[in-house]
């Protein structure tokens, strides 16, 4: 993924100006020709209404009427599909977060600055057709809420899961390094995902997706951990021995299933706590195992 080269502030945004000129030219030509596409569709609708009023069937139409009924709507349908795939579809990409579809991307703030319609419209409306810093571009609804501690803009992906008003768009704050922008899809892969809630305005709530945790961790005290671990094993072992000596017939099986692995010195210490008969039995069993 690449970013556009930095543009000098206050220089002319030629692309924005060209878009405005093309829009004005199209409107002037359409008005001068009395909006031919609209006029043809109106005429076709009037003919359809006339045929329906007269109960004219397909067999009752001449070749010219049949051609008009079949072909004219096709131009509008094909034109709508072409417009959808050439303009709307690339600008309304599918959002995929960790291989799960999240919705339809409506606007991305902070990636490919100066390469979208919002930037060009902002230059025309708020800066007299000249380039402006990306941080000064107004973003939908959110205002200055999505800025870091240093006042810099965060990368915000606005998306929707269904037809909804722009102020109900959902918001996703991401690190640009985990974002891949394709022609029809935006892929995001992050290991950590959490929700940030606004203090009083739930509309500004957003999800934070990142690849590194924002929490700081300290170096563990391994010596202290080992000491606590040894003490815990010692307590468990002594508890097992007390239970075994108090009622070996009942607690023997349970203690055997929960016995912990311990060092040789602790084994000898535990062995010394047993009575003479139990010691003799264990020594005999160990001797038989060695001979075998």
C-alpha atoms as a PDB file:
ATOM      1  CA  UNK A   1       0.000   0.000   0.000  1.00  0.00           C
ATOM      2  CA  UNK A   2       1.408   3.356  -0.983  1.00  0.00           C
ATOM      3  CA  UNK A   3       0.701   6.922   0.021  1.00  0.00           C
ATOM      4  CA  UNK A   4       0.426   9.929  -2.226  1.00  0.00           C
ATOM      5  CA  UNK A   5       3.312  12.414  -2.331  1.00  0.00           C
ATOM      6  CA  UNK A   6       3.009  15.421  -0.080  1.00  0.00           C
ATOM      7  CA  UNK A   7       1.400  18.402  -1.750  1.00  0.00           C
ATOM      8  CA  UNK A   8       2.409  21.932  -0.929  1.00  0.00           C
ATOM      9  CA  UNK A   9      -0.322  23.631   1.140  1.00  0.00           C
ATOM     10  CA  UNK A  10      -2.072  26.479  -0.647  1.00  0.00           C
ATOM     11  CA  UNK A  11      -1.141  25.099  -4.108  1.00  0.00           C
ATOM     12  CA  UNK A  12      -4.015  24.578  -6.522  1.00  0.00           C
ATOM     13  CA  UNK A  13      -5.867  21.269  -6.377  1.00  0.00           C
ATOM     14  CA  UNK A  14      -6.202  20.821 -10.134  1.00  0.00           C
ATOM     15  CA  UNK A  15      -8.115  17.569  -9.873  1.00  0.00           C
ATOM     16  CA  UNK A  16     -10.782  19.136  -7.658  1.00  0.00           C
ATOM     17  CA  UNK A  17     -11.103  22.079 -10.033  1.00  0.00           C
ATOM     18  CA  UNK A  18     -11.369  19.705 -13.022  1.00  0.00           C
ATOM     19  CA  UNK A  19     -14.148  17.766 -11.284  1.00  0.00           C
ATOM     20  CA  UNK A  20     -16.064  20.985 -10.670  1.00  0.00           C
ATOM     21  CA  UNK A  21     -15.635  22.074 -14.310  1.00  0.00           C
ATOM     22  CA  UNK A  22     -16.827  18.697 -15.634  1.00  0.00           C
ATOM     23  CA  UNK A  23     -19.872  18.759 -13.355  1.00  0.00           C
ATOM     24  CA  UNK A  24     -20.836  22.260 -14.455  1.00  0.00           C
ATOM     25  CA  UNK A  25     -20.320  21.368 -18.135  1.00  0.00           C
ATOM     26  CA  UNK A  26     -22.513  18.262 -17.851  1.00  0.00           C
ATOM     27  CA  UNK A  27     -25.292  20.253 -16.190  1.00  0.00           C
ATOM     28  CA  UNK A  28     -25.116  23.040 -18.798  1.00  0.00           C
ATOM     29  CA  UNK A  29     -25.219  20.591 -21.712  1.00  0.00           C
ATOM     30  CA  UNK A  30     -28.045  18.585 -20.123  1.00  0.00           C
ATOM     31  CA  UNK A  31     -30.115  21.726 -19.557  1.00  0.00           C
ATOM     32  CA  UNK A  32     -29.428  22.963 -23.100  1.00  0.00           C
ATOM     33  CA  UNK A  33     -30.596  19.640 -24.554  1.00  0.00           C
ATOM     34  CA  UNK A  34     -33.548  19.513 -22.169  1.00  0.00           C
ATOM     35  CA  UNK A  35     -32.147  16.483 -20.357  1.00  0.00           C
ATOM     36  CA  UNK A  36     -32.457  13.923 -23.194  1.00  0.00           C
ATOM     37  CA  UNK A  37     -32.129  10.862 -20.949  1.00  0.00           C
ATOM     38  CA  UNK A  38     -34.910  12.058 -18.691  1.00  0.00           C
ATOM     39  CA  UNK A  39     -37.067  13.115 -21.659  1.00  0.00           C
ATOM     40  CA  UNK A  40     -36.722   9.707 -23.348  1.00  0.00           C
ATOM     41  CA  UNK A  41     -37.656   7.915 -20.140  1.00  0.00           C
ATOM     42  CA  UNK A  42     -40.690  10.148 -19.677  1.00  0.00           C
ATOM     43  CA  UNK A  43     -41.840   9.420 -23.230  1.00  0.00           C
ATOM     44  CA  UNK A  44     -41.356   5.678 -22.689  1.00  0.00           C
ATOM     45  CA  UNK A  45     -43.381   5.862 -19.469  1.00  0.00           C
ATOM     46  CA  UNK A  46     -46.197   7.741 -21.248  1.00  0.00           C
ATOM     47  CA  UNK A  47     -46.276   5.103 -24.002  1.00  0.00           C
ATOM     48  CA  UNK A  48     -46.391   2.330 -21.395  1.00  0.00           C
ATOM     49  CA  UNK A  49     -49.261   4.064 -19.632  1.00  0.00           C
ATOM     50  CA  UNK A  50     -51.130   4.449 -22.930  1.00  0.00           C
ATOM     51  CA  UNK A  51     -50.724   0.766 -23.813  1.00  0.00           C
ATOM     52  CA  UNK A  52     -51.905  -0.277 -20.352  1.00  0.00           C
ATOM     53  CA  UNK A  53     -54.939   2.009 -20.639  1.00  0.00           C
ATOM     54  CA  UNK A  54     -55.840   0.568 -24.055  1.00  0.00           C
ATOM     55  CA  UNK A  55     -55.206  -3.035 -22.899  1.00  0.00           C
ATOM     56  CA  UNK A  56     -52.638  -3.435 -25.667  1.00  0.00           C
ATOM     57  CA  UNK A  57     -50.829  -6.783 -25.428  1.00  0.00           C
ATOM     58  CA  UNK A  58     -47.409  -7.742 -26.781  1.00  0.00           C
ATOM     59  CA  UNK A  59     -49.004  -9.344 -29.837  1.00  0.00           C
ATOM     60  CA  UNK A  60     -50.919  -6.140 -30.514  1.00  0.00           C
ATOM     61  CA  UNK A  61     -47.778  -3.994 -30.718  1.00  0.00           C
ATOM     62  CA  UNK A  62     -45.917  -3.267 -33.911  1.00  0.00           C
ATOM     63  CA  UNK A  63     -42.188  -3.885 -34.296  1.00  0.00           C
ATOM     64  CA  UNK A  64     -41.280  -0.321 -33.319  1.00  0.00           C
ATOM     65  CA  UNK A  65     -43.208  -0.512 -30.046  1.00  0.00           C
ATOM     66  CA  UNK A  66     -41.702  -3.888 -29.189  1.00  0.00           C
ATOM     67  CA  UNK A  67     -38.183  -2.582 -29.847  1.00  0.00           C
ATOM     68  CA  UNK A  68     -38.813   0.463 -27.653  1.00  0.00           C
ATOM     69  CA  UNK A  69     -40.241  -1.623 -24.827  1.00  0.00           C
ATOM     70  CA  UNK A  70     -37.319  -4.061 -24.896  1.00  0.00           C
ATOM     71  CA  UNK A  71     -34.302  -1.886 -25.666  1.00  0.00           C
ATOM     72  CA  UNK A  72     -34.864   1.517 -24.052  1.00  0.00           C
ATOM     73  CA  UNK A  73     -35.047   0.242 -20.444  1.00  0.00           C
ATOM     74  CA  UNK A  74     -31.962  -1.844 -21.143  1.00  0.00           C
ATOM     75  CA  UNK A  75     -29.861   1.252 -21.743  1.00  0.00           C
ATOM     76  CA  UNK A  76     -30.769   2.580 -18.307  1.00  0.00           C
ATOM     77  CA  UNK A  77     -30.231  -0.780 -16.615  1.00  0.00           C
ATOM     78  CA  UNK A  78     -26.850  -1.308 -18.272  1.00  0.00           C
ATOM     79  CA  UNK A  79     -25.863   2.291 -17.526  1.00  0.00           C
ATOM     80  CA  UNK A  80     -26.795   1.861 -13.858  1.00  0.00           C
ATOM     81  CA  UNK A  81     -24.759  -1.354 -13.613  1.00  0.00           C
ATOM     82  CA  UNK A  82     -21.745   0.224 -15.306  1.00  0.00           C
ATOM     83  CA  UNK A  83     -21.985   3.216 -12.984  1.00  0.00           C
ATOM     84  CA  UNK A  84     -22.233   0.922  -9.984  1.00  0.00           C
ATOM     85  CA  UNK A  85     -19.134  -1.094 -10.867  1.00  0.00           C
ATOM     86  CA  UNK A  86     -17.034   1.882 -12.007  1.00  0.00           C
ATOM     87  CA  UNK A  87     -17.856   4.349  -9.250  1.00  0.00           C
ATOM     88  CA  UNK A  88     -19.987   3.111  -6.375  1.00  0.00           C
ATOM     89  CA  UNK A  89     -18.479  -0.363  -5.923  1.00  0.00           C
ATOM     90  CA  UNK A  90     -14.788   0.740  -5.653  1.00  0.00           C
ATOM     91  CA  UNK A  91     -15.793   3.557  -3.292  1.00  0.00           C
ATOM     92  CA  UNK A  92     -17.946   1.244  -1.148  1.00  0.00           C
ATOM     93  CA  UNK A  93     -15.519  -1.552  -0.429  1.00  0.00           C
ATOM     94  CA  UNK A  94     -16.297  -4.632   1.640  1.00  0.00           C
ATOM     95  CA  UNK A  95     -14.695  -4.547   5.072  1.00  0.00           C
ATOM     96  CA  UNK A  96     -13.048  -7.767   6.257  1.00  0.00           C
ATOM     97  CA  UNK A  97     -11.665  -7.878   9.812  1.00  0.00           C
ATOM     98  CA  UNK A  98      -9.620 -10.996  10.575  1.00  0.00           C
ATOM     99  CA  UNK A  99     -11.326 -12.911   7.729  1.00  0.00           C
ATOM    100  CA  UNK A 100     -14.826 -11.948   8.964  1.00  0.00           C
ATOM    101  CA  UNK A 101     -16.967  -9.534   6.949  1.00  0.00           C
ATOM    102  CA  UNK A 102     -17.679  -6.389   8.940  1.00  0.00           C
ATOM    103  CA  UNK A 103     -19.775  -4.277   6.566  1.00  0.00           C
ATOM    104  CA  UNK A 104     -19.393  -1.734   3.760  1.00  0.00           C
ATOM    105  CA  UNK A 105     -16.664   0.899   3.996  1.00  0.00           C
ATOM    106  CA  UNK A 106     -18.088   4.380   3.482  1.00  0.00           C
ATOM    107  CA  UNK A 107     -15.042   6.546   4.174  1.00  0.00           C
ATOM    108  CA  UNK A 108     -11.416   6.130   5.292  1.00  0.00           C
ATOM    109  CA  UNK A 109      -9.770   9.010   7.123  1.00  0.00           C
ATOM    110  CA  UNK A 110      -5.979   8.926   7.273  1.00  0.00           C
ATOM    111  CA  UNK A 111      -5.074   6.534   4.434  1.00  0.00           C
ATOM    112  CA  UNK A 112      -4.204   7.764   0.924  1.00  0.00           C
ATOM    113  CA  UNK A 113      -4.703  11.366   1.963  1.00  0.00           C
ATOM    114  CA  UNK A 114      -5.789  13.582  -0.899  1.00  0.00           C
ATOM    115  CA  UNK A 115      -7.008  10.701  -3.033  1.00  0.00           C
ATOM    116  CA  UNK A 116     -10.744  10.836  -2.477  1.00  0.00           C
ATOM    117  CA  UNK A 117     -13.797  12.926  -3.206  1.00  0.00           C
ATOM    118  CA  UNK A 118     -14.112  14.263   0.327  1.00  0.00           C
ATOM    119  CA  UNK A 119     -10.639  15.800   0.151  1.00  0.00           C
ATOM    120  CA  UNK A 120     -11.365  17.423  -3.219  1.00  0.00           C
ATOM    121  CA  UNK A 121     -14.740  18.754  -2.042  1.00  0.00           C
ATOM    122  CA  UNK A 122     -13.133  20.127   1.113  1.00  0.00           C
ATOM    123  CA  UNK A 123     -10.504  21.954  -0.960  1.00  0.00           C
ATOM    124  CA  UNK A 124     -13.240  23.523  -3.096  1.00  0.00           C
ATOM    125  CA  UNK A 125     -15.606  24.427  -0.267  1.00  0.00           C
ATOM    126  CA  UNK A 126     -13.245  25.328   2.558  1.00  0.00           C
ATOM    127  CA  UNK A 127      -9.967  26.382   0.939  1.00  0.00           C
ATOM    128  CA  UNK A 128     -10.847  28.067  -2.356  1.00  0.00           C
ATOM    129  CA  UNK A 129      -9.766  25.142  -4.548  1.00  0.00           C
ATOM    130  CA  UNK A 130      -6.269  24.961  -3.047  1.00  0.00           C
ATOM    131  CA  UNK A 131      -4.630  22.047  -1.252  1.00  0.00           C
ATOM    132  CA  UNK A 132      -4.969  21.891   2.515  1.00  0.00           C
ATOM    133  CA  UNK A 133      -3.321  19.787   5.246  1.00  0.00           C
ATOM    134  CA  UNK A 134      -5.011  16.433   5.682  1.00  0.00           C
ATOM    135  CA  UNK A 135      -5.522  17.101   9.376  1.00  0.00           C
ATOM    136  CA  UNK A 136      -7.676  20.141   8.503  1.00  0.00           C
ATOM    137  CA  UNK A 137     -10.092  18.149   6.375  1.00  0.00           C
ATOM    138  CA  UNK A 138     -13.443  17.915   8.205  1.00  0.00           C
ATOM    139  CA  UNK A 139     -14.422  14.351   8.946  1.00  0.00           C
ATOM    140  CA  UNK A 140     -18.011  13.051   9.224  1.00  0.00           C
ATOM    141  CA  UNK A 141     -19.637  13.864  12.555  1.00  0.00           C
ATOM    142  CA  UNK A 142     -16.718  12.816  14.771  1.00  0.00           C
ATOM    143  CA  UNK A 143     -14.958  16.176  14.985  1.00  0.00           C
ATOM    144  CA  UNK A 144     -11.748  16.155  17.022  1.00  0.00           C
ATOM    145  CA  UNK A 145     -12.613  13.093  19.092  1.00  0.00           C
ATOM    146  CA  UNK A 146     -10.313  10.778  17.135  1.00  0.00           C
ATOM    147  CA  UNK A 147      -6.923  12.315  17.856  1.00  0.00           C
ATOM    148  CA  UNK A 148      -3.989  10.890  19.796  1.00  0.00           C
ATOM    149  CA  UNK A 149      -2.326  12.488  22.813  1.00  0.00           C
ATOM    150  CA  UNK A 150      -0.147  14.628  20.537  1.00  0.00           C
ATOM    151  CA  UNK A 151      -3.157  15.977  18.636  1.00  0.00           C
ATOM    152  CA  UNK A 152      -2.486  13.983  15.474  1.00  0.00           C
ATOM    153  CA  UNK A 153      -5.285  12.372  13.499  1.00  0.00           C
ATOM    154  CA  UNK A 154      -5.965   8.691  14.028  1.00  0.00           C
ATOM    155  CA  UNK A 155      -6.720   6.432  11.091  1.00  0.00           C
ATOM    156  CA  UNK A 156     -10.501   5.962  11.160  1.00  0.00           C
ATOM    157  CA  UNK A 157     -12.474   3.609   8.918  1.00  0.00           C
ATOM    158  CA  UNK A 158     -16.173   4.477   8.750  1.00  0.00           C
ATOM    159  CA  UNK A 159     -18.420   1.606   7.717  1.00  0.00           C
ATOM    160  CA  UNK A 160     -22.020   0.497   7.841  1.00  0.00           C
ATOM    161  CA  UNK A 161     -23.628  -2.904   8.204  1.00  0.00           C
ATOM    162  CA  UNK A 162     -26.937  -1.856   6.656  1.00  0.00           C
ATOM    163  CA  UNK A 163     -28.656   1.173   5.153  1.00  0.00           C
ATOM    164  CA  UNK A 164     -28.317   3.901   7.760  1.00  0.00           C
ATOM    165  CA  UNK A 165     -27.765   7.622   8.143  1.00  0.00           C
ATOM    166  CA  UNK A 166     -24.152   8.908   8.003  1.00  0.00           C
ATOM    167  CA  UNK A 167     -24.204   9.871  11.674  1.00  0.00           C
ATOM    168  CA  UNK A 168     -24.916   6.213  12.461  1.00  0.00           C
ATOM    169  CA  UNK A 169     -21.875   4.916  10.619  1.00  0.00           C
ATOM    170  CA  UNK A 170     -19.741   2.592  12.726  1.00  0.00           C
ATOM    171  CA  UNK A 171     -16.127   3.522  13.367  1.00  0.00           C
ATOM    172  CA  UNK A 172     -12.979   1.440  13.383  1.00  0.00           C
ATOM    173  CA  UNK A 173      -9.647   2.933  14.540  1.00  0.00           C
ATOM    174  CA  UNK A 174      -6.638   1.042  13.187  1.00  0.00           C
ATOM    175  CA  UNK A 175      -2.902   1.208  12.660  1.00  0.00           C
ATOM    176  CA  UNK A 176      -2.268   1.716   8.908  1.00  0.00           C
ATOM    177  CA  UNK A 177       0.320  -1.086   8.978  1.00  0.00           C
ATOM    178  CA  UNK A 178      -2.403  -3.746   9.444  1.00  0.00           C
ATOM    179  CA  UNK A 179      -4.652  -2.400   6.649  1.00  0.00           C
ATOM    180  CA  UNK A 180      -4.638  -3.538   3.026  1.00  0.00           C
ATOM    181  CA  UNK A 181      -6.844  -1.616   0.596  1.00  0.00           C
ATOM    182  CA  UNK A 182      -7.937  -3.496  -2.527  1.00  0.00           C
ATOM    183  CA  UNK A 183     -10.182  -2.515  -5.411  1.00  0.00           C
ATOM    184  CA  UNK A 184     -13.360  -3.883  -3.829  1.00  0.00           C
ATOM    185  CA  UNK A 185     -12.230  -4.944  -0.334  1.00  0.00           C
ATOM    186  CA  UNK A 186     -10.445  -3.548   2.719  1.00  0.00           C
ATOM    187  CA  UNK A 187      -8.615  -6.237   4.727  1.00  0.00           C
ATOM    188  CA  UNK A 188      -7.644  -5.722   8.364  1.00  0.00           C
ATOM    189  CA  UNK A 189      -5.636  -8.221  10.399  1.00  0.00           C
ATOM    190  CA  UNK A 190      -5.057  -7.412  14.062  1.00  0.00           C
ATOM    191  CA  UNK A 191      -4.449  -9.586  17.105  1.00  0.00           C
ATOM    192  CA  UNK A 192      -6.163  -7.276  19.588  1.00  0.00           C
ATOM    193  CA  UNK A 193      -9.695  -5.904  19.332  1.00  0.00           C
ATOM    194  CA  UNK A 194     -11.483  -3.800  21.924  1.00  0.00           C
ATOM    195  CA  UNK A 195     -14.325  -1.292  22.170  1.00  0.00           C
ATOM    196  CA  UNK A 196     -13.765   2.304  23.253  1.00  0.00           C
ATOM    197  CA  UNK A 197     -16.888   3.967  24.631  1.00  0.00           C
ATOM    198  CA  UNK A 198     -17.444   7.700  24.593  1.00  0.00           C
ATOM    199  CA  UNK A 199     -18.161   9.318  27.924  1.00  0.00           C
ATOM    200  CA  UNK A 200     -21.670  10.520  27.055  1.00  0.00           C
ATOM    201  CA  UNK A 201     -22.264  10.129  23.290  1.00  0.00           C
ATOM    202  CA  UNK A 202     -22.686   6.473  22.197  1.00  0.00           C
ATOM    203  CA  UNK A 203     -22.641   7.530  18.525  1.00  0.00           C
ATOM    204  CA  UNK A 204     -18.897   8.175  18.857  1.00  0.00           C
ATOM    205  CA  UNK A 205     -18.104   4.716  20.240  1.00  0.00           C
ATOM    206  CA  UNK A 206     -15.531   2.884  18.151  1.00  0.00           C
ATOM    207  CA  UNK A 207     -13.614  -0.359  17.862  1.00  0.00           C
ATOM    208  CA  UNK A 208      -9.852  -0.306  18.222  1.00  0.00           C
ATOM    209  CA  UNK A 209      -8.020  -2.973  16.228  1.00  0.00           C
ATOM    210  CA  UNK A 210      -4.249  -3.215  16.700  1.00  0.00           C
ATOM    211  CA  UNK A 211      -1.400  -5.618  16.179  1.00  0.00           C
ATOM    212  CA  UNK A 212       0.433  -4.816  19.431  1.00  0.00           C
ATOM    213  CA  UNK A 213      -1.073  -4.496  22.866  1.00  0.00           C
ATOM    214  CA  UNK A 214      -1.206  -1.011  24.336  1.00  0.00           C
ATOM    215  CA  UNK A 215      -0.536  -2.307  27.841  1.00  0.00           C
ATOM    216  CA  UNK A 216       2.998  -2.156  29.268  1.00  0.00           C
ATOM    217  CA  UNK A 217       4.445  -5.152  31.084  1.00  0.00           C
ATOM    218  CA  UNK A 218       7.307  -5.324  33.579  1.00  0.00           C
ATOM    219  CA  UNK A 219      10.104  -7.877  33.822  1.00  0.00           C
ATOM    220  CA  UNK A 220       9.027 -10.747  36.117  1.00  0.00           C
ATOM    221  CA  UNK A 221      10.976 -11.559  39.293  1.00  0.00           C
ATOM    222  CA  UNK A 222      11.861 -15.157  38.453  1.00  0.00           C
ATOM    223  CA  UNK A 223      13.618 -15.765  41.765  1.00  0.00           C
ATOM    224  CA  UNK A 224      10.575 -14.723  43.759  1.00  0.00           C
ATOM    225  CA  UNK A 225       8.332 -16.779  41.488  1.00  0.00           C
ATOM    226  CA  UNK A 226      10.511 -19.887  41.977  1.00  0.00           C
ATOM    227  CA  UNK A 227      10.475 -19.384  45.751  1.00  0.00           C
ATOM    228  CA  UNK A 228       6.669 -19.139  45.847  1.00  0.00           C
ATOM    229  CA  UNK A 229       6.446 -22.168  43.586  1.00  0.00           C
ATOM    230  CA  UNK A 230       8.642 -24.229  45.906  1.00  0.00           C
ATOM    231  CA  UNK A 231       6.587 -23.146  48.928  1.00  0.00           C
ATOM    232  CA  UNK A 232       3.352 -24.053  47.167  1.00  0.00           C
ATOM    233  CA  UNK A 233       4.634 -27.519  46.264  1.00  0.00           C
ATOM    234  CA  UNK A 234       5.792 -28.006  49.836  1.00  0.00           C
ATOM    235  CA  UNK A 235       2.383 -27.081  51.239  1.00  0.00           C
ATOM    236  CA  UNK A 236       0.606 -29.409  48.829  1.00  0.00           C
ATOM    237  CA  UNK A 237       2.962 -32.263  49.640  1.00  0.00           C
ATOM    238  CA  UNK A 238       2.589 -31.835  53.405  1.00  0.00           C
ATOM    239  CA  UNK A 239      -1.208 -31.667  53.071  1.00  0.00           C
ATOM    240  CA  UNK A 240      -1.186 -34.901  51.058  1.00  0.00           C
ATOM    241  CA  UNK A 241       0.991 -36.602  53.677  1.00  0.00           C
ATOM    242  CA  UNK A 242      -1.262 -35.469  56.538  1.00  0.00           C
ATOM    243  CA  UNK A 243      -4.325 -36.758  54.707  1.00  0.00           C
ATOM    244  CA  UNK A 244      -2.628 -40.033  53.861  1.00  0.00           C
ATOM    245  CA  UNK A 245      -1.428 -40.627  57.437  1.00  0.00           C
ATOM    246  CA  UNK A 246      -4.819 -39.694  58.940  1.00  0.00           C
ATOM    247  CA  UNK A 247      -6.851 -42.137  56.833  1.00  0.00           C
ATOM    248  CA  UNK A 248      -4.809 -44.038  54.235  1.00  0.00           C
ATOM    249  CA  UNK A 249      -7.630 -46.388  53.198  1.00  0.00           C
ATOM    250  CA  UNK A 250      -9.934 -43.523  52.159  1.00  0.00           C
ATOM    251  CA  UNK A 251      -7.474 -40.807  51.070  1.00  0.00           C
ATOM    252  CA  UNK A 252      -4.833 -43.044  49.515  1.00  0.00           C
ATOM    253  CA  UNK A 253      -6.369 -43.083  46.041  1.00  0.00           C
ATOM    254  CA  UNK A 254      -7.064 -39.359  46.033  1.00  0.00           C
ATOM    255  CA  UNK A 255      -3.577 -38.459  47.196  1.00  0.00           C
ATOM    256  CA  UNK A 256      -2.065 -40.800  44.613  1.00  0.00           C
ATOM    257  CA  UNK A 257      -3.973 -39.056  41.828  1.00  0.00           C
ATOM    258  CA  UNK A 258      -2.959 -35.560  43.024  1.00  0.00           C
ATOM    259  CA  UNK A 259       0.648 -36.181  44.048  1.00  0.00           C
ATOM    260  CA  UNK A 260       3.101 -33.531  42.836  1.00  0.00           C
ATOM    261  CA  UNK A 261       6.552 -34.050  41.397  1.00  0.00           C
ATOM    262  CA  UNK A 262       9.171 -32.867  43.890  1.00  0.00           C
ATOM    263  CA  UNK A 263      12.923 -32.895  44.400  1.00  0.00           C
ATOM    264  CA  UNK A 264      14.964 -35.686  46.011  1.00  0.00           C
ATOM    265  CA  UNK A 265      15.634 -33.771  49.239  1.00  0.00           C
ATOM    266  CA  UNK A 266      11.933 -33.157  49.760  1.00  0.00           C
ATOM    267  CA  UNK A 267      11.289 -36.818  48.971  1.00  0.00           C
ATOM    268  CA  UNK A 268      13.743 -37.831  51.692  1.00  0.00           C
ATOM    269  CA  UNK A 269      12.167 -35.370  54.107  1.00  0.00           C
ATOM    270  CA  UNK A 270       8.733 -36.825  53.411  1.00  0.00           C
ATOM    271  CA  UNK A 271      10.095 -40.345  53.730  1.00  0.00           C
ATOM    272  CA  UNK A 272      11.435 -39.600  57.224  1.00  0.00           C
ATOM    273  CA  UNK A 273       7.965 -38.569  58.372  1.00  0.00           C
ATOM    274  CA  UNK A 274       6.600 -42.107  57.798  1.00  0.00           C
ATOM    275  CA  UNK A 275       6.555 -44.823  60.498  1.00  0.00           C
ATOM    276  CA  UNK A 276       8.904 -47.790  60.478  1.00  0.00           C
ATOM    277  CA  UNK A 277       6.550 -50.332  58.873  1.00  0.00           C
ATOM    278  CA  UNK A 278       5.695 -47.963  56.009  1.00  0.00           C
ATOM    279  CA  UNK A 279       9.394 -47.252  55.427  1.00  0.00           C
ATOM    280  CA  UNK A 280      10.189 -50.967  55.345  1.00  0.00           C
ATOM    281  CA  UNK A 281       7.384 -51.635  52.849  1.00  0.00           C
ATOM    282  CA  UNK A 282       8.577 -48.866  50.523  1.00  0.00           C
ATOM    283  CA  UNK A 283      12.194 -50.052  50.715  1.00  0.00           C
ATOM    284  CA  UNK A 284      11.091 -53.603  49.904  1.00  0.00           C
ATOM    285  CA  UNK A 285       9.039 -52.438  46.903  1.00  0.00           C
ATOM    286  CA  UNK A 286      11.975 -50.406  45.605  1.00  0.00           C
ATOM    287  CA  UNK A 287      14.279 -53.392  45.989  1.00  0.00           C
ATOM    288  CA  UNK A 288      11.897 -55.670  44.082  1.00  0.00           C
ATOM    289  CA  UNK A 289      11.611 -53.093  41.291  1.00  0.00           C
ATOM    290  CA  UNK A 290      15.407 -52.828  41.057  1.00  0.00           C
ATOM    291  CA  UNK A 291      15.853 -56.649  40.888  1.00  0.00           C
ATOM    292  CA  UNK A 292      13.241 -56.891  38.149  1.00  0.00           C
END
